[in-house]
C-alpha atoms as a PDB file:
ATOM      1  CA  MET A   1      -1.279  24.188 -49.384  1.00  0.00           C
ATOM      2  CA  SER A   2      -3.745  21.714 -47.921  1.00  0.00           C
ATOM      3  CA  ALA A   3      -7.450  21.728 -48.671  1.00  0.00           C
ATOM      4  CA  ALA A   4      -9.849  23.394 -46.251  1.00  0.00           C
ATOM      5  CA  PRO A   5     -11.366  20.956 -43.750  1.00  0.00           C
ATOM      6  CA  ARG A   6     -14.819  19.740 -44.804  1.00  0.00           C
ATOM      7  CA  VAL A   7     -17.586  20.186 -42.246  1.00  0.00           C
ATOM      8  CA  LEU A   8     -21.032  18.666 -42.520  1.00  0.00           C
ATOM      9  CA  VAL A   9     -23.684  20.509 -40.458  1.00  0.00           C
ATOM     10  CA  ALA A  10     -26.869  18.539 -39.763  1.00  0.00           C
ATOM     11  CA  ASP A  11     -29.635  20.504 -38.026  1.00  0.00           C
ATOM     12  CA  ASP A  12     -33.313  20.928 -38.806  1.00  0.00           C
ATOM     13  CA  ASP A  13     -33.220  24.592 -37.703  1.00  0.00           C
ATOM     14  CA  PRO A  14     -32.175  26.821 -40.634  1.00  0.00           C
ATOM     15  CA  ALA A  15     -31.127  29.594 -38.223  1.00  0.00           C
ATOM     16  CA  VAL A  16     -28.689  27.283 -36.425  1.00  0.00           C
ATOM     17  CA  ARG A  17     -27.278  26.084 -39.757  1.00  0.00           C
ATOM     18  CA  GLY A  18     -26.845  29.681 -40.874  1.00  0.00           C
ATOM     19  CA  VAL A  19     -24.994  30.730 -37.740  1.00  0.00           C
ATOM     20  CA  LEU A  20     -22.706  27.691 -37.904  1.00  0.00           C
ATOM     21  CA  ARG A  21     -22.102  28.242 -41.625  1.00  0.00           C
ATOM     22  CA  ALA A  22     -21.116  31.883 -41.084  1.00  0.00           C
ATOM     23  CA  MET A  23     -18.776  31.025 -38.208  1.00  0.00           C
ATOM     24  CA  LEU A  24     -17.153  28.098 -39.987  1.00  0.00           C
ATOM     25  CA  ARG A  25     -16.614  29.915 -43.261  1.00  0.00           C
ATOM     26  CA  ARG A  26     -14.784  32.683 -41.412  1.00  0.00           C
ATOM     27  CA  GLY A  27     -12.456  29.905 -40.266  1.00  0.00           C
ATOM     28  CA  ASP A  28     -11.888  28.729 -43.864  1.00  0.00           C
ATOM     29  CA  TYR A  29     -13.850  25.505 -43.545  1.00  0.00           C
ATOM     30  CA  GLN A  30     -15.814  24.028 -46.464  1.00  0.00           C
ATOM     31  CA  VAL A  31     -19.364  23.760 -45.152  1.00  0.00           C
ATOM     32  CA  THR A  32     -22.198  21.536 -46.333  1.00  0.00           C
ATOM     33  CA  GLU A  33     -25.576  21.838 -44.635  1.00  0.00           C
ATOM     34  CA  VAL A  34     -28.419  19.334 -44.410  1.00  0.00           C
ATOM     35  CA  GLU A  35     -31.686  19.361 -42.495  1.00  0.00           C
ATOM     36  CA  ASP A  36     -31.846  15.832 -41.089  1.00  0.00           C
ATOM     37  CA  GLY A  37     -29.845  12.764 -40.183  1.00  0.00           C
ATOM     38  CA  ARG A  38     -30.745  10.735 -43.262  1.00  0.00           C
ATOM     39  CA  ALA A  39     -29.612  13.538 -45.583  1.00  0.00           C
ATOM     40  CA  ALA A  40     -26.412  13.840 -43.499  1.00  0.00           C
ATOM     41  CA  LEU A  41     -25.679  10.131 -43.866  1.00  0.00           C
ATOM     42  CA  GLU A  42     -26.299  10.255 -47.633  1.00  0.00           C
ATOM     43  CA  CYS A  43     -24.116  13.353 -47.986  1.00  0.00           C
ATOM     44  CA  PHE A  44     -21.314  11.826 -45.891  1.00  0.00           C
ATOM     45  CA  GLU A  45     -21.387   8.582 -47.882  1.00  0.00           C
ATOM     46  CA  ARG A  46     -21.236  10.534 -51.146  1.00  0.00           C
ATOM     47  CA  ASP A  47     -18.779  13.339 -50.284  1.00  0.00           C
ATOM     48  CA  GLY A  48     -17.125  12.486 -46.962  1.00  0.00           C
ATOM     49  CA  ALA A  49     -16.322  15.054 -44.266  1.00  0.00           C
ATOM     50  CA  ASP A  50     -13.595  15.748 -41.751  1.00  0.00           C
ATOM     51  CA  LEU A  51     -16.120  16.811 -39.123  1.00  0.00           C
ATOM     52  CA  ILE A  52     -19.820  16.320 -38.580  1.00  0.00           C
ATOM     53  CA  LEU A  53     -21.720  18.756 -36.339  1.00  0.00           C
ATOM     54  CA  SER A  54     -25.084  17.131 -35.668  1.00  0.00           C
ATOM     55  CA  ASP A  55     -28.187  18.099 -33.764  1.00  0.00           C
ATOM     56  CA  LEU A  56     -29.811  15.343 -31.677  1.00  0.00           C
ATOM     57  CA  GLN A  57     -33.482  15.848 -32.543  1.00  0.00           C
ATOM     58  CA  MET A  58     -34.112  15.880 -36.302  1.00  0.00           C
ATOM     59  CA  PRO A  59     -36.761  14.438 -38.617  1.00  0.00           C
ATOM     60  CA  ARG A  60     -36.249  11.188 -40.584  1.00  0.00           C
ATOM     61  CA  MET A  61     -33.150  10.183 -38.575  1.00  0.00           C
ATOM     62  CA  SER A  62     -31.992  11.522 -35.224  1.00  0.00           C
ATOM     63  CA  GLY A  63     -28.470  12.682 -34.555  1.00  0.00           C
ATOM     64  CA  LEU A  64     -27.910   9.646 -32.339  1.00  0.00           C
ATOM     65  CA  GLU A  65     -28.970   7.295 -35.153  1.00  0.00           C
ATOM     66  CA  LEU A  66     -26.645   9.171 -37.518  1.00  0.00           C
ATOM     67  CA  LEU A  67     -23.814   8.887 -35.002  1.00  0.00           C
ATOM     68  CA  ARG A  68     -24.401   5.132 -34.616  1.00  0.00           C
ATOM     69  CA  HIS A  69     -24.312   4.579 -38.396  1.00  0.00           C
ATOM     70  CA  ILE A  70     -21.186   6.704 -38.918  1.00  0.00           C
ATOM     71  CA  LYS A  71     -19.156   5.213 -36.084  1.00  0.00           C
ATOM     72  CA  GLN A  72     -20.093   1.611 -36.944  1.00  0.00           C
ATOM     73  CA  LYS A  73     -19.438   1.844 -40.662  1.00  0.00           C
ATOM     74  CA  TYR A  74     -16.597   4.381 -40.961  1.00  0.00           C
ATOM     75  CA  SER A  75     -13.925   3.549 -38.460  1.00  0.00           C
ATOM     76  CA  HIS A  76     -10.790   4.094 -40.612  1.00  0.00           C
ATOM     77  CA  PRO A  77     -10.220   6.974 -40.554  1.00  0.00           C
ATOM     78  CA  PRO A  78     -13.025   7.822 -38.185  1.00  0.00           C
ATOM     79  CA  PRO A  79     -14.706  11.138 -38.829  1.00  0.00           C
ATOM     80  CA  VAL A  80     -14.949  13.549 -35.905  1.00  0.00           C
ATOM     81  CA  VAL A  81     -18.597  13.787 -34.804  1.00  0.00           C
ATOM     82  CA  MET A  82     -19.685  16.507 -32.409  1.00  0.00           C
ATOM     83  CA  MET A  83     -23.245  16.586 -31.146  1.00  0.00           C
ATOM     84  CA  VAL A  84     -24.782  20.065 -30.933  1.00  0.00           C
ATOM     85  CA  THR A  85     -28.047  20.120 -29.016  1.00  0.00           C
ATOM     86  CA  ALA A  86     -30.465  22.023 -26.828  1.00  0.00           C
ATOM     87  CA  TYR A  87     -30.932  18.772 -24.886  1.00  0.00           C
ATOM     88  CA  GLY A  88     -27.852  18.819 -22.665  1.00  0.00           C
ATOM     89  CA  ASP A  89     -29.203  16.387 -20.107  1.00  0.00           C
ATOM     90  CA  GLU A  90     -27.097  13.565 -18.705  1.00  0.00           C
ATOM     91  CA  GLU A  91     -29.046  10.805 -20.491  1.00  0.00           C
ATOM     92  CA  ASN A  92     -28.457  12.306 -23.970  1.00  0.00           C
ATOM     93  CA  TYR A  93     -24.825  13.071 -23.124  1.00  0.00           C
ATOM     94  CA  ASN A  94     -24.180   9.523 -21.900  1.00  0.00           C
ATOM     95  CA  GLN A  95     -25.907   7.954 -24.902  1.00  0.00           C
ATOM     96  CA  ALA A  96     -23.945  10.109 -27.355  1.00  0.00           C
ATOM     97  CA  MET A  97     -20.631   9.295 -25.667  1.00  0.00           C
ATOM     98  CA  LYS A  98     -21.448   5.588 -25.581  1.00  0.00           C
ATOM     99  CA  LEU A  99     -22.125   5.692 -29.327  1.00  0.00           C
ATOM    100  CA  GLY A 100     -18.747   7.320 -29.965  1.00  0.00           C
ATOM    101  CA  ALA A 101     -19.372  11.074 -30.092  1.00  0.00           C
ATOM    102  CA  ASP A 102     -16.146  13.038 -30.007  1.00  0.00           C
ATOM    103  CA  ASP A 103     -17.793  15.927 -28.205  1.00  0.00           C
ATOM    104  CA  PHE A 104     -21.145  17.151 -26.933  1.00  0.00           C
ATOM    105  CA  LEU A 105     -21.966  20.860 -27.169  1.00  0.00           C
ATOM    106  CA  THR A 106     -25.130  22.522 -25.891  1.00  0.00           C
ATOM    107  CA  LYS A 107     -27.076  25.344 -27.483  1.00  0.00           C
ATOM    108  CA  PRO A 108     -26.784  28.245 -27.369  1.00  0.00           C
ATOM    109  CA  LEU A 109     -23.268  27.589 -28.582  1.00  0.00           C
ATOM    110  CA  ASP A 110     -20.259  29.259 -27.056  1.00  0.00           C
ATOM    111  CA  PHE A 111     -18.457  30.065 -30.297  1.00  0.00           C
ATOM    112  CA  SER A 112     -15.078  30.720 -28.672  1.00  0.00           C
ATOM    113  CA  LYS A 113     -15.261  27.225 -27.134  1.00  0.00           C
ATOM    114  CA  LEU A 114     -16.286  25.707 -30.483  1.00  0.00           C
ATOM    115  CA  LYS A 115     -13.366  27.451 -32.238  1.00  0.00           C
ATOM    116  CA  GLU A 116     -10.956  25.957 -29.686  1.00  0.00           C
ATOM    117  CA  LYS A 117     -12.402  22.460 -30.246  1.00  0.00           C
ATOM    118  CA  LEU A 118     -12.042  22.856 -34.023  1.00  0.00           C
ATOM    119  CA  LYS A 119      -8.331  23.785 -33.966  1.00  0.00           C
ATOM    120  CA  PRO A 120      -7.089  20.170 -34.220  1.00  0.00           C
ATOM    121  CA  ILE A 121      -9.265  19.682 -37.306  1.00  0.00           C
ATOM    122  CA  ALA A 122      -8.064  22.817 -39.129  1.00  0.00           C
END
């Protein structure tokens, strides 16, 4: 039996983290939550993760800065990084994709769509 996939959720909104935690735990994922990009980077460097779900706008380090650090430093194997944001404009989308985001989801989240995107990671 393989270990449950490890998901790191980085969002400064505790309500969003709570909703994601509840949904992910129902899917048998191990969930770690942090409130900003710097904490996410520290947690990833210490514990690793199979998937990072990151907000764009966070204190101390934005989701885009986190994405840049992760994709530059950890290319083998590359972690899956999905941006989860209320800012679904074309500029943020293009910047995230240019930096190597694996996906870009807008809030409020469509949980059935998120579950479909998570299937390859399970």
